[in-house]
Each structure stands twice: as structure tokens, then as C-alpha cells.
Amino acid sequence: MALVVICGQPCSGKSIAAVTLAETLGESETKQNVRIIDEASFHLDRNQNYANMPAEKNLRGKLRSDVDRSVSRGDIVIVDSLNSIKGYRYELWCIARAAGIRYCVVYCDVDEAHCRQWNKERSDKGEASYDDGIFEDLVRRFEKPERRNRWDSPLFELYPSREGISKSSPVISEAVTYLTKTVDSKTQDVRILQPSIATQAARFSEANSLYELDRATQEIINAIVEQQSLGGAISRVTLGNDLPPIEICRPIGLPELRRLRRTFVKLMGQSSLSGPPLPTDAESAKRRFVDYLNREFGGNNA
């Protein structure tokens, strides 16, 4: 297994590099199974993906989740996206380390002028391209990989505007060799990441937090259903344990409660990627869910 992170400016040839690497790996002596995870997999317009920070954060969360699920299948996984933020590349590196697999970054090094020109040519042809404002913003925020960073190493650098990209490209061959080379006790030029105790503990902690979140939110739903079933109109659901009450001005059906619960759990999972961590105890999870429901019911009742 291995994780390959494709990195580069918008319109720098990343998808061509991903496909070329995948095909070359498939034709190698080891006949590797390769899976490409890209933005197109989610059927979203690229300008919608990067229209604002919440949309971009949502996209990164989807990609990261798909990567996390895929690295355990025994394939080589190639992440074809901008991967322009070093903190996000670090998150992907942590996934590879936790899985105990090989990892590398393939960087398409193209100057801004060529990227801008290629983006315009795609737009003129009616192909998928970036709006000018979004393109300039992505270029400005791009964080170039540096091989001294463990999450950017080993780093294979392609120069599509000068040398093109093909199966015979020396850098593609070097990457294939790195990803397919047999490793034994004497191998020094291939690194298999080893999960640390901290990494394993973090994955256990995340799983435990998700369990607590699931259990706590279900208890809140049960309390709302139970108090509404007692008969008569109610405007407040009391929960005890120093939790704030839930203010409601109309009957809330179970289907709506389940939908709100699913949305809340999804939002919590996405926000934990780069925001506050998931709650680790039931009471914290209940308090966050109650706050969320009060905001939702307050907005709906206004």
C-alpha cells in the first residue's frame, strides 16, 4: 500500500500526472492496483469547491475521509487535488503513518503565467476552468512543498510546462520505483511510515469521540420524543444535568429530528478536521447538540 499526494498550482497538469503515474504503475512488473481520488469524484463544480472557505473546507474533508477509508484496501491511492495547504498535506501524511504505508508527494512545478494561460485556454474551449478571481486567490494562497518537511518527503518534482509529462518521464519512473520496490532489512532508500503510539491513540480517541457523539445525540432525541408524547403542547424540553432546555414552538416529528441529528454529526466530523476537536465525553456532546438544536429551532420559528 502507498499514498501519493499530487500537489501544484491550479491548472498545472496535476490530473495528467496522476493518470500517467497510475497507468505506469498498472503496467509495472508488480501490476499494482491504483485508485485515484479526485475532486471530480464528488460531482462538484471546481468553482463551487473553492468559492469560499466553508466550501473549500468541506471539499478537503470529503477528500480526507475518502483517503482514510481507502488506504486500508491494499491499493496505491493517488490524491489528485490542489493539496496546496501544508497543514492539509500533514493530515494526509498522518493518515499514511497511521496505516503504516509508503508515502510521497508529486509536485507539478509550473510558473503562474503558464498556469494562467492553460486556465484561459480551457475556458476558451468550454472545458472545466477556474473563474479569474478564484484562480488568483488559489495562486496567492499556494504553499509550495519543501522536501525538508517530513510530510513533503520524498518529493518528486515534475516540470510540465518545460518537459511535459509522459510514462517515460524520469521523475515518473523514479516514483514508480519508489512505490513498487521490494523492501527488506537492507533497504535504505524506501521508507515505510510507522504508526506511533500517539497516532494510534489519536485514532482510538477519534473513534471513542464519535461513539460518544452518536450515543449522546440519540439520548437527546429520545428525550424530545418522550416529552412530546406526554400530551399537550409544550414549548420547552428539559434535560437536567445542568443542560440548557430546548426551546420549541411547534411539534417536532421524529423524521425531522433524525435529519437534524445526521446533519449535526456530519458537521461535527467536518469541523474537527481543522477546527475544535470532537467532544470526548457525553455531557459535552449533549451540550453542543442542544445548542445546535436551539439555533435551528429558533431560526425555523422566527
C-alpha atoms as a PDB file:
ATOM      1  CA  MET A   1       0.000   0.000   0.000  1.00  0.00           C
ATOM      2  CA  ALA A   2       1.037   3.592  -0.549  1.00  0.00           C
ATOM      3  CA  LEU A   3      -0.362   7.104  -0.537  1.00  0.00           C
ATOM      4  CA  VAL A   4       0.674   9.545  -3.258  1.00  0.00           C
ATOM      5  CA  VAL A   5      -0.231  13.214  -2.874  1.00  0.00           C
ATOM      6  CA  ILE A   6      -0.315  15.196  -6.121  1.00  0.00           C
ATOM      7  CA  CYS A   7       0.388  18.851  -5.450  1.00  0.00           C
ATOM      8  CA  GLY A   8       0.511  22.004  -7.580  1.00  0.00           C
ATOM      9  CA  GLN A   9      -0.999  25.292  -8.619  1.00  0.00           C
ATOM     10  CA  PRO A  10      -4.406  25.288 -10.355  1.00  0.00           C
ATOM     11  CA  CYS A  11      -4.078  24.164 -13.989  1.00  0.00           C
ATOM     12  CA  SER A  12      -0.532  22.887 -13.584  1.00  0.00           C
ATOM     13  CA  GLY A  13      -1.015  19.394 -15.027  1.00  0.00           C
ATOM     14  CA  LYS A  14      -1.811  17.521 -11.807  1.00  0.00           C
ATOM     15  CA  SER A  15      -4.539  15.302 -13.266  1.00  0.00           C
ATOM     16  CA  ILE A  16      -2.333  14.334 -16.207  1.00  0.00           C
ATOM     17  CA  ALA A  17       0.425  13.463 -13.728  1.00  0.00           C
ATOM     18  CA  ALA A  18      -1.988  11.366 -11.639  1.00  0.00           C
ATOM     19  CA  VAL A  19      -3.314   9.404 -14.626  1.00  0.00           C
ATOM     20  CA  THR A  20       0.178   8.918 -16.089  1.00  0.00           C
ATOM     21  CA  LEU A  21       1.533   7.643 -12.777  1.00  0.00           C
ATOM     22  CA  ALA A  22      -1.470   5.334 -12.287  1.00  0.00           C
ATOM     23  CA  GLU A  23      -1.135   3.835 -15.759  1.00  0.00           C
ATOM     24  CA  THR A  24       2.616   3.341 -15.358  1.00  0.00           C
ATOM     25  CA  LEU A  25       2.108   1.628 -12.010  1.00  0.00           C
ATOM     26  CA  GLY A  26      -0.511  -0.643 -13.568  1.00  0.00           C
ATOM     27  CA  GLU A  27       1.914  -1.630 -16.320  1.00  0.00           C
ATOM     28  CA  SER A  28       4.830  -2.244 -13.956  1.00  0.00           C
ATOM     29  CA  GLU A  29       6.058  -5.726 -13.101  1.00  0.00           C
ATOM     30  CA  THR A  30       4.156  -5.687  -9.828  1.00  0.00           C
ATOM     31  CA  LYS A  31       0.853  -4.854 -11.630  1.00  0.00           C
ATOM     32  CA  GLN A  32      -0.225  -2.515  -8.847  1.00  0.00           C
ATOM     33  CA  ASN A  33      -3.877  -1.729  -8.258  1.00  0.00           C
ATOM     34  CA  VAL A  34      -4.236   2.037  -8.200  1.00  0.00           C
ATOM     35  CA  ARG A  35      -7.116   4.229  -7.124  1.00  0.00           C
ATOM     36  CA  ILE A  36      -7.269   7.941  -7.928  1.00  0.00           C
ATOM     37  CA  ILE A  37      -9.250  10.117  -5.518  1.00  0.00           C
ATOM     38  CA  ASP A  38     -10.043  13.463  -7.106  1.00  0.00           C
ATOM     39  CA  GLU A  39     -12.461  16.356  -6.865  1.00  0.00           C
ATOM     40  CA  ALA A  40     -14.476  15.162  -9.862  1.00  0.00           C
ATOM     41  CA  SER A  41     -15.468  12.085  -7.831  1.00  0.00           C
ATOM     42  CA  PHE A  42     -17.884  14.264  -5.866  1.00  0.00           C
ATOM     43  CA  HIS A  43     -19.530  15.729  -8.989  1.00  0.00           C
ATOM     44  CA  LEU A  44     -18.995  19.312  -7.833  1.00  0.00           C
ATOM     45  CA  ASP A  45     -18.050  22.263  -9.988  1.00  0.00           C
ATOM     46  CA  ARG A  46     -14.474  23.351  -9.248  1.00  0.00           C
ATOM     47  CA  ASN A  47     -15.557  26.953  -8.810  1.00  0.00           C
ATOM     48  CA  GLN A  48     -18.160  25.848  -6.275  1.00  0.00           C
ATOM     49  CA  ASN A  49     -15.496  23.893  -4.403  1.00  0.00           C
ATOM     50  CA  TYR A  50     -13.355  26.987  -3.929  1.00  0.00           C
ATOM     51  CA  ALA A  51     -15.993  29.723  -3.876  1.00  0.00           C
ATOM     52  CA  ASN A  52     -15.466  30.340  -0.159  1.00  0.00           C
ATOM     53  CA  MET A  53     -13.657  28.868   2.822  1.00  0.00           C
ATOM     54  CA  PRO A  54     -16.563  26.692   4.092  1.00  0.00           C
ATOM     55  CA  ALA A  55     -16.946  25.102   0.639  1.00  0.00           C
ATOM     56  CA  GLU A  56     -13.206  24.506   0.372  1.00  0.00           C
ATOM     57  CA  LYS A  57     -13.084  23.077   3.880  1.00  0.00           C
ATOM     58  CA  ASN A  58     -15.980  20.772   3.038  1.00  0.00           C
ATOM     59  CA  LEU A  59     -14.137  19.529  -0.059  1.00  0.00           C
ATOM     60  CA  ARG A  60     -10.952  18.822   1.890  1.00  0.00           C
ATOM     61  CA  GLY A  61     -12.987  16.948   4.470  1.00  0.00           C
ATOM     62  CA  LYS A  62     -14.579  14.730   1.810  1.00  0.00           C
ATOM     63  CA  LEU A  63     -11.222  14.001   0.192  1.00  0.00           C
ATOM     64  CA  ARG A  64      -9.583  13.234   3.522  1.00  0.00           C
ATOM     65  CA  SER A  65     -12.396  10.888   4.574  1.00  0.00           C
ATOM     66  CA  ASP A  66     -12.205   9.025   1.271  1.00  0.00           C
ATOM     67  CA  VAL A  67      -8.446   8.691   1.617  1.00  0.00           C
ATOM     68  CA  ASP A  68      -8.780   7.437   5.192  1.00  0.00           C
ATOM     69  CA  ARG A  69     -11.233   4.742   4.058  1.00  0.00           C
ATOM     70  CA  SER A  70      -9.156   3.730   1.037  1.00  0.00           C
ATOM     71  CA  VAL A  71      -5.651   3.289   2.434  1.00  0.00           C
ATOM     72  CA  SER A  72      -6.625   0.055   4.158  1.00  0.00           C
ATOM     73  CA  ARG A  73      -7.655  -1.710   0.946  1.00  0.00           C
ATOM     74  CA  GLY A  74      -4.183  -2.661  -0.229  1.00  0.00           C
ATOM     75  CA  ASP A  75      -4.117  -0.367  -3.266  1.00  0.00           C
ATOM     76  CA  ILE A  76      -1.879   2.549  -4.090  1.00  0.00           C
ATOM     77  CA  VAL A  77      -4.009   5.646  -3.517  1.00  0.00           C
ATOM     78  CA  ILE A  78      -3.321   8.818  -5.503  1.00  0.00           C
ATOM     79  CA  VAL A  79      -4.882  12.066  -4.242  1.00  0.00           C
ATOM     80  CA  ASP A  80      -5.386  14.327  -7.255  1.00  0.00           C
ATOM     81  CA  SER A  81      -6.233  17.783  -5.933  1.00  0.00           C
ATOM     82  CA  LEU A  82      -4.530  21.106  -5.272  1.00  0.00           C
ATOM     83  CA  ASN A  83      -3.308  19.889  -1.859  1.00  0.00           C
ATOM     84  CA  SER A  84      -1.905  23.377  -1.591  1.00  0.00           C
ATOM     85  CA  ILE A  85      -2.018  23.854   2.181  1.00  0.00           C
ATOM     86  CA  LYS A  86       0.894  22.334   4.067  1.00  0.00           C
ATOM     87  CA  GLY A  87      -1.304  21.673   7.100  1.00  0.00           C
ATOM     88  CA  TYR A  88      -3.604  19.563   4.936  1.00  0.00           C
ATOM     89  CA  ARG A  89      -0.672  17.652   3.441  1.00  0.00           C
ATOM     90  CA  TYR A  90       0.401  16.958   7.023  1.00  0.00           C
ATOM     91  CA  GLU A  91      -3.050  15.487   7.751  1.00  0.00           C
ATOM     92  CA  LEU A  92      -2.690  13.162   4.750  1.00  0.00           C
ATOM     93  CA  TRP A  93       0.800  12.181   5.901  1.00  0.00           C
ATOM     94  CA  CYS A  94      -0.646  11.330   9.324  1.00  0.00           C
ATOM     95  CA  ILE A  95      -3.177   9.018   7.640  1.00  0.00           C
ATOM     96  CA  ALA A  96      -0.338   7.228   5.840  1.00  0.00           C
ATOM     97  CA  ARG A  97       1.681   6.956   9.039  1.00  0.00           C
ATOM     98  CA  ALA A  98      -1.272   5.563  10.983  1.00  0.00           C
ATOM     99  CA  ALA A  99      -1.771   2.955   8.239  1.00  0.00           C
ATOM    100  CA  GLY A 100       1.943   2.055   8.180  1.00  0.00           C
ATOM    101  CA  ILE A 101       2.410   2.533   4.421  1.00  0.00           C
ATOM    102  CA  ARG A 102       4.659   4.323   1.940  1.00  0.00           C
ATOM    103  CA  TYR A 103       4.054   7.980   1.241  1.00  0.00           C
ATOM    104  CA  CYS A 104       5.329  10.515  -1.266  1.00  0.00           C
ATOM    105  CA  VAL A 105       4.446  13.863  -2.847  1.00  0.00           C
ATOM    106  CA  VAL A 106       4.472  14.506  -6.595  1.00  0.00           C
ATOM    107  CA  TYR A 107       4.754  18.234  -7.268  1.00  0.00           C
ATOM    108  CA  CYS A 108       3.866  19.785 -10.644  1.00  0.00           C
ATOM    109  CA  ASP A 109       6.137  22.836 -10.667  1.00  0.00           C
ATOM    110  CA  VAL A 110       4.714  25.304 -13.197  1.00  0.00           C
ATOM    111  CA  ASP A 111       5.071  29.073 -13.116  1.00  0.00           C
ATOM    112  CA  GLU A 112       1.959  31.178 -12.591  1.00  0.00           C
ATOM    113  CA  ALA A 113       1.995  32.593 -16.132  1.00  0.00           C
ATOM    114  CA  HIS A 114       1.704  29.153 -17.722  1.00  0.00           C
ATOM    115  CA  CYS A 115      -0.997  28.078 -15.262  1.00  0.00           C
ATOM    116  CA  ARG A 116      -2.945  31.240 -16.047  1.00  0.00           C
ATOM    117  CA  GLN A 117      -2.558  30.630 -19.783  1.00  0.00           C
ATOM    118  CA  TRP A 118      -3.676  26.997 -19.517  1.00  0.00           C
ATOM    119  CA  ASN A 119      -6.684  28.033 -17.459  1.00  0.00           C
ATOM    120  CA  LYS A 120      -7.683  30.571 -20.127  1.00  0.00           C
ATOM    121  CA  GLU A 121      -7.266  28.009 -22.905  1.00  0.00           C
ATOM    122  CA  ARG A 122      -9.568  25.609 -21.072  1.00  0.00           C
ATOM    123  CA  SER A 123     -12.127  28.362 -20.586  1.00  0.00           C
ATOM    124  CA  ASP A 124     -11.998  29.290 -24.280  1.00  0.00           C
ATOM    125  CA  LYS A 125     -12.612  25.646 -25.206  1.00  0.00           C
ATOM    126  CA  GLY A 126     -15.545  25.373 -22.823  1.00  0.00           C
ATOM    127  CA  GLU A 127     -13.659  22.930 -20.601  1.00  0.00           C
ATOM    128  CA  ALA A 128     -13.596  22.953 -16.805  1.00  0.00           C
ATOM    129  CA  SER A 129     -11.681  26.017 -15.663  1.00  0.00           C
ATOM    130  CA  TYR A 130     -11.430  28.425 -12.760  1.00  0.00           C
ATOM    131  CA  ASP A 131     -13.050  31.833 -12.616  1.00  0.00           C
ATOM    132  CA  ASP A 132     -10.387  34.552 -12.666  1.00  0.00           C
ATOM    133  CA  GLY A 133     -10.992  35.655  -9.088  1.00  0.00           C
ATOM    134  CA  ILE A 134     -10.865  32.125  -7.699  1.00  0.00           C
ATOM    135  CA  PHE A 135      -7.785  31.291  -9.761  1.00  0.00           C
ATOM    136  CA  GLU A 136      -5.861  34.319  -8.446  1.00  0.00           C
ATOM    137  CA  ASP A 137      -6.888  33.554  -4.864  1.00  0.00           C
ATOM    138  CA  LEU A 138      -5.697  29.937  -5.131  1.00  0.00           C
ATOM    139  CA  VAL A 139      -2.392  31.003  -6.662  1.00  0.00           C
ATOM    140  CA  ARG A 140      -1.849  33.540  -3.880  1.00  0.00           C
ATOM    141  CA  ARG A 141      -2.516  31.019  -1.097  1.00  0.00           C
ATOM    142  CA  PHE A 142      -0.477  28.152  -2.542  1.00  0.00           C
ATOM    143  CA  GLU A 143       2.157  26.761  -0.146  1.00  0.00           C
ATOM    144  CA  LYS A 144       4.978  25.144  -2.075  1.00  0.00           C
ATOM    145  CA  PRO A 145       6.122  21.742  -0.776  1.00  0.00           C
ATOM    146  CA  GLU A 146       9.605  21.546   0.734  1.00  0.00           C
ATOM    147  CA  ARG A 147      11.451  18.254   0.919  1.00  0.00           C
ATOM    148  CA  ARG A 148      12.821  19.130   4.372  1.00  0.00           C
ATOM    149  CA  ASN A 149       9.279  18.706   5.721  1.00  0.00           C
ATOM    150  CA  ARG A 150       8.537  15.078   6.539  1.00  0.00           C
ATOM    151  CA  TRP A 151       5.016  15.464   5.112  1.00  0.00           C
ATOM    152  CA  ASP A 152       6.513  16.655   1.789  1.00  0.00           C
ATOM    153  CA  SER A 153       9.121  13.916   1.579  1.00  0.00           C
ATOM    154  CA  PRO A 154      10.092  12.114  -0.536  1.00  0.00           C
ATOM    155  CA  LEU A 155       9.318  14.808  -3.092  1.00  0.00           C
ATOM    156  CA  PHE A 156       9.196  14.055  -6.832  1.00  0.00           C
ATOM    157  CA  GLU A 157       9.165  17.237  -8.927  1.00  0.00           C
ATOM    158  CA  LEU A 158       7.689  17.408 -12.430  1.00  0.00           C
ATOM    159  CA  TYR A 159       8.027  20.388 -14.805  1.00  0.00           C
ATOM    160  CA  PRO A 160       5.071  20.009 -17.198  1.00  0.00           C
ATOM    161  CA  SER A 161       5.482  23.370 -18.972  1.00  0.00           C
ATOM    162  CA  ARG A 162       9.130  22.629 -19.835  1.00  0.00           C
ATOM    163  CA  GLU A 163       9.322  18.859 -20.138  1.00  0.00           C
ATOM    164  CA  GLY A 164       5.747  17.637 -20.446  1.00  0.00           C
ATOM    165  CA  ILE A 165       4.501  14.514 -18.647  1.00  0.00           C
ATOM    166  CA  SER A 166       4.721  11.008 -20.065  1.00  0.00           C
ATOM    167  CA  LYS A 167       5.234   7.451 -18.889  1.00  0.00           C
ATOM    168  CA  SER A 168       8.879   7.761 -19.902  1.00  0.00           C
ATOM    169  CA  SER A 169       9.459  10.872 -17.779  1.00  0.00           C
ATOM    170  CA  PRO A 170      12.407  10.191 -15.439  1.00  0.00           C
ATOM    171  CA  VAL A 171      10.501  11.508 -12.430  1.00  0.00           C
ATOM    172  CA  ILE A 172       7.542   9.200 -13.145  1.00  0.00           C
ATOM    173  CA  SER A 173       9.959   6.265 -13.376  1.00  0.00           C
ATOM    174  CA  GLU A 174      11.609   7.270 -10.098  1.00  0.00           C
ATOM    175  CA  ALA A 175       8.232   7.480  -8.363  1.00  0.00           C
ATOM    176  CA  VAL A 176       7.161   4.080  -9.702  1.00  0.00           C
ATOM    177  CA  THR A 177      10.411   2.515  -8.498  1.00  0.00           C
ATOM    178  CA  TYR A 178       9.949   4.032  -5.054  1.00  0.00           C
ATOM    179  CA  LEU A 179       6.354   2.825  -4.793  1.00  0.00           C
ATOM    180  CA  THR A 180       6.961  -0.720  -6.032  1.00  0.00           C
ATOM    181  CA  LYS A 181      10.432  -1.594  -4.778  1.00  0.00           C
ATOM    182  CA  THR A 182      10.615  -4.636  -2.527  1.00  0.00           C
ATOM    183  CA  VAL A 183      11.643  -3.634   0.973  1.00  0.00           C
ATOM    184  CA  ASP A 184      13.825  -5.738   3.242  1.00  0.00           C
ATOM    185  CA  SER A 185      16.137  -5.130   6.191  1.00  0.00           C
ATOM    186  CA  LYS A 186      18.852  -3.746   3.893  1.00  0.00           C
ATOM    187  CA  THR A 187      16.650  -1.265   2.019  1.00  0.00           C
ATOM    188  CA  GLN A 188      17.573   2.323   2.824  1.00  0.00           C
ATOM    189  CA  ASP A 189      16.067   4.398   0.024  1.00  0.00           C
ATOM    190  CA  VAL A 190      12.407   3.470   0.661  1.00  0.00           C
ATOM    191  CA  ARG A 191      10.649   4.474   3.837  1.00  0.00           C
ATOM    192  CA  ILE A 192       7.613   2.720   5.236  1.00  0.00           C
ATOM    193  CA  LEU A 193       5.945   5.032   7.723  1.00  0.00           C
ATOM    194  CA  GLN A 194       5.488   3.504  11.141  1.00  0.00           C
ATOM    195  CA  PRO A 195       2.460   4.364  13.291  1.00  0.00           C
ATOM    196  CA  SER A 196       3.470   5.934  16.583  1.00  0.00           C
ATOM    197  CA  ILE A 197       1.756   5.373  19.904  1.00  0.00           C
ATOM    198  CA  ALA A 198       0.426   8.929  19.664  1.00  0.00           C
ATOM    199  CA  THR A 199      -1.043   8.281  16.215  1.00  0.00           C
ATOM    200  CA  GLN A 200      -2.724   5.087  17.337  1.00  0.00           C
ATOM    201  CA  ALA A 201      -4.038   6.815  20.456  1.00  0.00           C
ATOM    202  CA  ALA A 202      -5.407   9.671  18.362  1.00  0.00           C
ATOM    203  CA  ARG A 203      -7.286   7.267  16.080  1.00  0.00           C
ATOM    204  CA  PHE A 204      -8.694   5.460  19.129  1.00  0.00           C
ATOM    205  CA  SER A 205      -9.650   8.801  20.683  1.00  0.00           C
ATOM    206  CA  GLU A 206     -11.436   9.863  17.491  1.00  0.00           C
ATOM    207  CA  ALA A 207     -13.377   6.603  17.335  1.00  0.00           C
ATOM    208  CA  ASN A 208     -14.311   6.956  21.003  1.00  0.00           C
ATOM    209  CA  SER A 209     -15.446  10.548  20.425  1.00  0.00           C
ATOM    210  CA  LEU A 210     -17.663   9.503  17.530  1.00  0.00           C
ATOM    211  CA  TYR A 211     -19.221   6.819  19.723  1.00  0.00           C
ATOM    212  CA  GLU A 212     -19.922   9.334  22.496  1.00  0.00           C
ATOM    213  CA  LEU A 213     -21.334  11.816  19.977  1.00  0.00           C
ATOM    214  CA  ASP A 214     -23.636   9.202  18.472  1.00  0.00           C
ATOM    215  CA  ARG A 215     -24.857   7.976  21.855  1.00  0.00           C
ATOM    216  CA  ALA A 216     -25.344  11.458  23.329  1.00  0.00           C
ATOM    217  CA  THR A 217     -27.309  12.844  20.394  1.00  0.00           C
ATOM    218  CA  GLN A 218     -29.596   9.811  20.387  1.00  0.00           C
ATOM    219  CA  GLU A 219     -30.356  10.360  24.079  1.00  0.00           C
ATOM    220  CA  ILE A 220     -31.378  13.954  23.350  1.00  0.00           C
ATOM    221  CA  ILE A 221     -33.645  12.827  20.514  1.00  0.00           C
ATOM    222  CA  ASN A 222     -35.240  10.238  22.813  1.00  0.00           C
ATOM    223  CA  ALA A 223     -35.883  12.896  25.468  1.00  0.00           C
ATOM    224  CA  ILE A 224     -37.598  15.213  22.979  1.00  0.00           C
ATOM    225  CA  VAL A 225     -39.811  12.420  21.618  1.00  0.00           C
ATOM    226  CA  GLU A 226     -40.705  11.213  25.111  1.00  0.00           C
ATOM    227  CA  GLN A 227     -41.698  14.645  26.445  1.00  0.00           C
ATOM    228  CA  GLN A 228     -43.752  15.420  23.340  1.00  0.00           C
ATOM    229  CA  SER A 229     -45.590  12.096  23.703  1.00  0.00           C
ATOM    230  CA  LEU A 230     -46.930  13.039  27.149  1.00  0.00           C
ATOM    231  CA  GLY A 231     -49.709  15.007  25.509  1.00  0.00           C
ATOM    232  CA  GLY A 232     -50.464  18.690  25.137  1.00  0.00           C
ATOM    233  CA  ALA A 233     -48.456  21.407  23.502  1.00  0.00           C
ATOM    234  CA  ILE A 234     -45.021  22.037  25.001  1.00  0.00           C
ATOM    235  CA  SER A 235     -42.645  24.909  24.394  1.00  0.00           C
ATOM    236  CA  ARG A 236     -39.637  23.622  26.295  1.00  0.00           C
ATOM    237  CA  VAL A 237     -37.852  20.281  26.685  1.00  0.00           C
ATOM    238  CA  THR A 238     -35.950  19.988  29.949  1.00  0.00           C
ATOM    239  CA  LEU A 239     -32.971  17.673  30.104  1.00  0.00           C
ATOM    240  CA  GLY A 240     -31.448  18.015  33.571  1.00  0.00           C
ATOM    241  CA  ASN A 241     -27.752  17.501  34.360  1.00  0.00           C
ATOM    242  CA  ASP A 242     -27.193  21.259  34.111  1.00  0.00           C
ATOM    243  CA  LEU A 243     -28.016  21.166  30.394  1.00  0.00           C
ATOM    244  CA  PRO A 244     -29.930  24.129  28.943  1.00  0.00           C
ATOM    245  CA  PRO A 245     -33.530  23.430  27.903  1.00  0.00           C
ATOM    246  CA  ILE A 246     -34.518  23.069  24.258  1.00  0.00           C
ATOM    247  CA  GLU A 247     -36.992  25.741  23.215  1.00  0.00           C
ATOM    248  CA  ILE A 248     -39.604  24.599  20.689  1.00  0.00           C
ATOM    249  CA  CYS A 249     -42.720  26.422  19.460  1.00  0.00           C
ATOM    250  CA  ARG A 250     -44.262  23.614  17.425  1.00  0.00           C
ATOM    251  CA  PRO A 251     -44.343  19.814  17.385  1.00  0.00           C
ATOM    252  CA  ILE A 252     -41.105  18.341  16.036  1.00  0.00           C
ATOM    253  CA  GLY A 253     -41.527  14.986  14.301  1.00  0.00           C
ATOM    254  CA  LEU A 254     -39.073  12.113  14.535  1.00  0.00           C
ATOM    255  CA  PRO A 255     -38.038  12.328  10.834  1.00  0.00           C
ATOM    256  CA  GLU A 256     -37.034  15.977  11.292  1.00  0.00           C
ATOM    257  CA  LEU A 257     -35.166  15.163  14.495  1.00  0.00           C
ATOM    258  CA  ARG A 258     -33.266  12.360  12.768  1.00  0.00           C
ATOM    259  CA  ARG A 259     -32.370  14.673   9.873  1.00  0.00           C
ATOM    260  CA  LEU A 260     -31.073  17.326  12.278  1.00  0.00           C
ATOM    261  CA  ARG A 261     -29.075  14.704  14.158  1.00  0.00           C
ATOM    262  CA  ARG A 262     -27.454  13.399  10.969  1.00  0.00           C
ATOM    263  CA  THR A 263     -26.594  16.932   9.859  1.00  0.00           C
ATOM    264  CA  PHE A 264     -25.101  17.777  13.260  1.00  0.00           C
ATOM    265  CA  VAL A 265     -22.916  14.661  13.356  1.00  0.00           C
ATOM    266  CA  LYS A 266     -21.710  15.372   9.814  1.00  0.00           C
ATOM    267  CA  LEU A 267     -20.906  18.995  10.651  1.00  0.00           C
ATOM    268  CA  MET A 268     -19.011  17.975  13.770  1.00  0.00           C
ATOM    269  CA  GLY A 269     -16.924  15.493  11.812  1.00  0.00           C
ATOM    270  CA  GLN A 270     -16.037  18.075   9.182  1.00  0.00           C
ATOM    271  CA  SER A 271     -15.223  20.853  11.646  1.00  0.00           C
ATOM    272  CA  SER A 272     -12.866  18.591  13.604  1.00  0.00           C
ATOM    273  CA  LEU A 273     -10.536  18.379  10.572  1.00  0.00           C
ATOM    274  CA  SER A 274      -9.223  21.889  11.100  1.00  0.00           C
ATOM    275  CA  GLY A 275     -11.320  23.295  13.949  1.00  0.00           C
ATOM    276  CA  PRO A 276     -12.205  22.244  17.509  1.00  0.00           C
ATOM    277  CA  PRO A 277     -11.815  18.516  18.233  1.00  0.00           C
ATOM    278  CA  LEU A 278     -14.790  16.259  18.726  1.00  0.00           C
ATOM    279  CA  PRO A 279     -16.153  16.172  22.296  1.00  0.00           C
ATOM    280  CA  THR A 280     -14.681  13.280  24.257  1.00  0.00           C
ATOM    281  CA  ASP A 281     -17.462  12.916  26.834  1.00  0.00           C
ATOM    282  CA  ALA A 282     -21.221  12.531  26.635  1.00  0.00           C
ATOM    283  CA  GLU A 283     -22.119  15.728  28.501  1.00  0.00           C
ATOM    284  CA  SER A 284     -20.038  17.938  26.180  1.00  0.00           C
ATOM    285  CA  ALA A 285     -21.576  16.242  23.163  1.00  0.00           C
ATOM    286  CA  LYS A 286     -25.089  16.762  24.542  1.00  0.00           C
ATOM    287  CA  ARG A 287     -24.442  20.442  25.249  1.00  0.00           C
ATOM    288  CA  ARG A 288     -23.200  21.073  21.696  1.00  0.00           C
ATOM    289  CA  PHE A 289     -26.175  19.245  20.214  1.00  0.00           C
ATOM    290  CA  VAL A 290     -28.625  21.193  22.412  1.00  0.00           C
ATOM    291  CA  ASP A 291     -27.030  24.482  21.330  1.00  0.00           C
ATOM    292  CA  TYR A 292     -27.318  23.383  17.705  1.00  0.00           C
ATOM    293  CA  LEU A 293     -31.000  22.432  18.070  1.00  0.00           C
ATOM    294  CA  ASN A 294     -31.842  25.716  19.779  1.00  0.00           C
ATOM    295  CA  ARG A 295     -30.242  27.618  16.897  1.00  0.00           C
ATOM    296  CA  GLU A 296     -32.119  25.523  14.343  1.00  0.00           C
ATOM    297  CA  PHE A 297     -35.487  25.750  16.099  1.00  0.00           C
ATOM    298  CA  GLY A 298     -35.003  29.430  16.802  1.00  0.00           C
ATOM    299  CA  GLY A 299     -34.309  30.114  13.118  1.00  0.00           C
ATOM    300  CA  ASN A 300     -37.235  27.976  11.965  1.00  0.00           C
ATOM    301  CA  ASN A 301     -39.655  29.507  14.451  1.00  0.00           C
ATOM    302  CA  ALA A 302     -38.658  33.104  13.787  1.00  0.00           C
END
